[in-house]
């Protein structure tokens, strides 16, 4: 798992889904049935960020990281939300 939210159900390995489902006592099949494009996911992500003190990355965050490290990211993987690396 990466330190970001998955974009769709297929992005998360089956054993991970099964483990988390067991921990929260929800059938693993619910993962695939989740609405990955609706308002609920946006609200859930906001609630999770708030609970753990995180926020969405910004273009300014990306620029600052690039200046500090000389590299935009450790992985170089593009960030779909920021149109830049994560």
Protein backbone atom coordinates (compact mmCIF):
# COMPACT_ATOMS: atom_id res chain seq x y z
CA UNK A 1 0.00 0.00 0.00
CA UNK A 2 1.09 3.55 -0.70
CA UNK A 3 0.50 6.64 1.38
CA UNK A 4 -2.48 7.74 -0.71
CA UNK A 5 -6.06 6.73 -1.37
CA UNK A 6 -6.63 4.17 -4.13
CA UNK A 7 -8.34 5.38 -7.28
CA UNK A 8 -10.46 2.23 -7.71
CA UNK A 9 -11.15 -1.15 -6.09
CA UNK A 10 -8.74 -3.02 -8.36
CA UNK A 11 -5.76 -1.03 -7.13
CA UNK A 12 -5.74 -2.72 -3.72
CA UNK A 13 -4.43 -6.30 -3.42
CA UNK A 14 -7.02 -8.91 -2.41
CA UNK A 15 -5.17 -9.97 0.77
CA UNK A 16 -5.11 -6.33 1.93
CA UNK A 17 -8.85 -5.96 1.32
CA UNK A 18 -9.53 -9.21 3.20
CA UNK A 19 -7.38 -8.17 6.16
CA UNK A 20 -8.95 -4.73 6.54
CA UNK A 21 -12.46 -6.15 6.02
CA UNK A 22 -11.83 -8.59 8.86
CA UNK A 23 -10.55 -5.79 11.11
CA UNK A 24 -13.62 -3.58 10.56
CA UNK A 25 -16.05 -6.50 10.44
CA UNK A 26 -17.37 -5.76 6.95
CA UNK A 27 -17.61 -8.36 4.16
CA UNK A 28 -14.67 -8.01 1.76
CA UNK A 29 -17.15 -7.98 -1.14
CA UNK A 30 -18.29 -4.50 -0.04
CA UNK A 31 -14.95 -3.09 -1.27
CA UNK A 32 -15.82 -3.73 -4.93
CA UNK A 33 -19.36 -2.40 -4.43
CA UNK A 34 -18.15 0.94 -3.04
CA UNK A 35 -18.97 4.02 -5.16
CA UNK A 36 -15.50 5.18 -6.22
CA UNK A 37 -16.76 8.30 -8.01
CA UNK A 38 -19.56 9.63 -5.82
CA UNK A 39 -19.88 12.24 -3.10
CA UNK A 40 -19.50 9.68 -0.33
CA UNK A 41 -15.89 8.85 -1.21
CA UNK A 42 -14.97 12.53 -1.18
CA UNK A 43 -16.57 12.93 2.25
CA UNK A 44 -14.92 9.75 3.57
CA UNK A 45 -11.49 10.89 2.38
CA UNK A 46 -12.01 14.29 3.99
CA UNK A 47 -13.03 12.63 7.28
CA UNK A 48 -10.00 10.32 7.24
CA UNK A 49 -7.62 13.20 6.49
CA UNK A 50 -9.17 15.21 9.32
CA UNK A 51 -8.91 12.35 11.80
CA UNK A 52 -5.20 11.91 11.09
CA UNK A 53 -4.21 15.55 10.50
CA UNK A 54 -3.53 15.28 6.77
CA UNK A 55 -4.65 17.39 3.82
CA UNK A 56 -4.58 17.04 0.05
CA UNK A 57 -1.31 17.88 -1.65
CA UNK A 58 -1.06 21.14 -3.54
CA UNK A 59 1.12 22.36 -6.40
CA UNK A 60 3.00 24.45 -3.79
CA UNK A 61 3.74 21.30 -1.77
CA UNK A 62 5.17 19.65 -4.87
CA UNK A 63 7.30 22.67 -5.74
CA UNK A 64 8.66 22.88 -2.18
CA UNK A 65 9.53 19.20 -2.09
CA UNK A 66 11.34 19.46 -5.39
CA UNK A 67 13.42 22.44 -4.16
CA UNK A 68 14.34 20.73 -0.86
CA UNK A 69 15.28 17.31 -2.19
CA UNK A 70 16.31 18.01 -5.77
CA UNK A 71 13.80 15.34 -6.77
CA UNK A 72 10.04 15.78 -6.98
CA UNK A 73 9.28 12.41 -5.37
CA UNK A 74 10.93 9.27 -4.13
CA UNK A 75 8.94 7.19 -6.62
CA UNK A 76 8.45 9.59 -9.50
CA UNK A 77 4.86 8.33 -9.82
CA UNK A 78 2.51 10.99 -11.21
CA UNK A 79 -0.09 12.37 -8.81
CA UNK A 80 -3.49 12.20 -10.55
CA UNK A 81 -5.00 14.86 -8.28
CA UNK A 82 -2.13 17.38 -8.49
CA UNK A 83 -1.12 16.75 -12.11
CA UNK A 84 2.37 16.20 -10.77
CA UNK A 85 4.43 13.64 -8.89
CA UNK A 86 3.44 12.34 -5.47
